[in-house]
């Protein structure tokens, strides 16, 4: 499993990457969710894939992210 990566260290390379993110809010505990990172015309945004909006629109800051693991291969699936 991948390790958490600080957004200060590096950002995802492509907007098509769906990643797991750790977000923080001034008044609340952290939140783990699915997101993608986008940079367009110099503007950067993290999109909350569960709620369909940018994290910053609700006051959340993405502080860490990690790539999702590869899905299981067909031969890894065992019928019980």
C-alpha atoms as a PDB file:
ATOM      1  CA  UNK A   1       0.000   0.000   0.000  1.00  0.00           C
ATOM      2  CA  UNK A   2       1.196   3.477  -0.789  1.00  0.00           C
ATOM      3  CA  UNK A   3       2.127   6.005   1.852  1.00  0.00           C
ATOM      4  CA  UNK A   4       0.373   9.336   2.339  1.00  0.00           C
ATOM      5  CA  UNK A   5       1.979  12.137   0.285  1.00  0.00           C
ATOM      6  CA  UNK A   6       1.913  15.737   1.478  1.00  0.00           C
ATOM      7  CA  UNK A   7       0.483  18.220  -1.054  1.00  0.00           C
ATOM      8  CA  UNK A   8       3.495  20.374  -0.138  1.00  0.00           C
ATOM      9  CA  UNK A   9       5.789  17.558  -1.330  1.00  0.00           C
ATOM     10  CA  UNK A  10       4.071  16.825  -4.659  1.00  0.00           C
ATOM     11  CA  UNK A  11       0.721  16.724  -6.453  1.00  0.00           C
ATOM     12  CA  UNK A  12      -0.839  14.072  -8.698  1.00  0.00           C
ATOM     13  CA  UNK A  13       0.514  14.150 -12.258  1.00  0.00           C
ATOM     14  CA  UNK A  14      -2.795  13.891 -14.063  1.00  0.00           C
ATOM     15  CA  UNK A  15      -6.378  14.972 -13.502  1.00  0.00           C
ATOM     16  CA  UNK A  16      -7.603  11.532 -14.531  1.00  0.00           C
ATOM     17  CA  UNK A  17      -6.030  10.013 -11.433  1.00  0.00           C
ATOM     18  CA  UNK A  18      -8.565   9.208  -8.771  1.00  0.00           C
ATOM     19  CA  UNK A  19      -6.874   9.336  -5.397  1.00  0.00           C
ATOM     20  CA  UNK A  20      -7.615   8.961  -1.717  1.00  0.00           C
ATOM     21  CA  UNK A  21      -7.288  12.264   0.155  1.00  0.00           C
ATOM     22  CA  UNK A  22      -7.034  13.435   3.752  1.00  0.00           C
ATOM     23  CA  UNK A  23      -8.706  16.797   4.276  1.00  0.00           C
ATOM     24  CA  UNK A  24      -8.839  19.163   7.204  1.00  0.00           C
ATOM     25  CA  UNK A  25     -11.329  21.811   8.279  1.00  0.00           C
ATOM     26  CA  UNK A  26     -10.860  24.561  10.864  1.00  0.00           C
ATOM     27  CA  UNK A  27     -13.791  23.433  13.003  1.00  0.00           C
ATOM     28  CA  UNK A  28     -13.913  19.684  12.354  1.00  0.00           C
ATOM     29  CA  UNK A  29     -11.786  16.556  12.472  1.00  0.00           C
ATOM     30  CA  UNK A  30     -10.190  15.243   9.301  1.00  0.00           C
ATOM     31  CA  UNK A  31     -12.037  13.474   6.512  1.00  0.00           C
ATOM     32  CA  UNK A  32     -10.872  10.745   4.140  1.00  0.00           C
ATOM     33  CA  UNK A  33     -12.468  10.749   0.707  1.00  0.00           C
ATOM     34  CA  UNK A  34     -12.057  10.066  -2.996  1.00  0.00           C
ATOM     35  CA  UNK A  35     -10.958  12.952  -5.189  1.00  0.00           C
ATOM     36  CA  UNK A  36      -9.163  14.059  -8.278  1.00  0.00           C
ATOM     37  CA  UNK A  37      -6.785  16.968  -8.679  1.00  0.00           C
ATOM     38  CA  UNK A  38      -7.246  19.475 -11.459  1.00  0.00           C
ATOM     39  CA  UNK A  39      -5.166  22.372 -12.735  1.00  0.00           C
ATOM     40  CA  UNK A  40      -6.664  24.571 -15.455  1.00  0.00           C
ATOM     41  CA  UNK A  41      -5.559  28.052 -16.554  1.00  0.00           C
ATOM     42  CA  UNK A  42      -3.276  28.265 -13.523  1.00  0.00           C
ATOM     43  CA  UNK A  43      -6.055  27.453 -11.046  1.00  0.00           C
ATOM     44  CA  UNK A  44      -5.741  24.328  -8.900  1.00  0.00           C
ATOM     45  CA  UNK A  45      -8.665  22.427  -7.422  1.00  0.00           C
ATOM     46  CA  UNK A  46      -9.380  19.190  -5.591  1.00  0.00           C
ATOM     47  CA  UNK A  47     -12.771  17.712  -6.526  1.00  0.00           C
ATOM     48  CA  UNK A  48     -14.719  15.657  -3.982  1.00  0.00           C
ATOM     49  CA  UNK A  49     -15.960  12.713  -6.049  1.00  0.00           C
ATOM     50  CA  UNK A  50     -18.521  11.675  -3.438  1.00  0.00           C
ATOM     51  CA  UNK A  51     -20.283  15.053  -3.280  1.00  0.00           C
ATOM     52  CA  UNK A  52     -19.487  16.354  -6.780  1.00  0.00           C
ATOM     53  CA  UNK A  53     -17.947  19.668  -5.729  1.00  0.00           C
ATOM     54  CA  UNK A  54     -14.639  21.248  -4.852  1.00  0.00           C
ATOM     55  CA  UNK A  55     -13.400  20.629  -1.326  1.00  0.00           C
ATOM     56  CA  UNK A  56     -12.517  24.307  -0.837  1.00  0.00           C
ATOM     57  CA  UNK A  57     -16.124  25.368  -1.570  1.00  0.00           C
ATOM     58  CA  UNK A  58     -17.091  23.771   1.752  1.00  0.00           C
ATOM     59  CA  UNK A  59     -14.026  25.003   3.663  1.00  0.00           C
ATOM     60  CA  UNK A  60     -11.997  21.760   3.463  1.00  0.00           C
ATOM     61  CA  UNK A  61      -8.258  21.736   2.691  1.00  0.00           C
ATOM     62  CA  UNK A  62      -6.617  18.692   1.131  1.00  0.00           C
ATOM     63  CA  UNK A  63      -3.356  18.158   2.995  1.00  0.00           C
ATOM     64  CA  UNK A  64      -2.378  14.595   1.993  1.00  0.00           C
ATOM     65  CA  UNK A  65      -3.192  12.182  -0.818  1.00  0.00           C
ATOM     66  CA  UNK A  66      -2.285   8.696  -2.012  1.00  0.00           C
ATOM     67  CA  UNK A  67      -2.834   6.767  -5.231  1.00  0.00           C
ATOM     68  CA  UNK A  68      -5.470   4.067  -5.175  1.00  0.00           C
ATOM     69  CA  UNK A  69      -4.161   0.506  -5.422  1.00  0.00           C
ATOM     70  CA  UNK A  70      -4.540  -1.427  -8.661  1.00  0.00           C
ATOM     71  CA  UNK A  71      -7.764  -3.466  -8.813  1.00  0.00           C
ATOM     72  CA  UNK A  72      -7.450  -7.237  -8.395  1.00  0.00           C
ATOM     73  CA  UNK A  73      -6.631  -9.280 -11.455  1.00  0.00           C
ATOM     74  CA  UNK A  74      -9.081 -11.896 -12.693  1.00  0.00           C
ATOM     75  CA  UNK A  75      -6.763 -14.748 -11.665  1.00  0.00           C
ATOM     76  CA  UNK A  76      -6.642 -13.307  -8.107  1.00  0.00           C
ATOM     77  CA  UNK A  77     -10.395 -13.776  -7.724  1.00  0.00           C
ATOM     78  CA  UNK A  78     -11.213 -17.128  -6.134  1.00  0.00           C
ATOM     79  CA  UNK A  79     -14.741 -18.503  -5.976  1.00  0.00           C
ATOM     80  CA  UNK A  80     -15.578 -19.971  -2.573  1.00  0.00           C
END
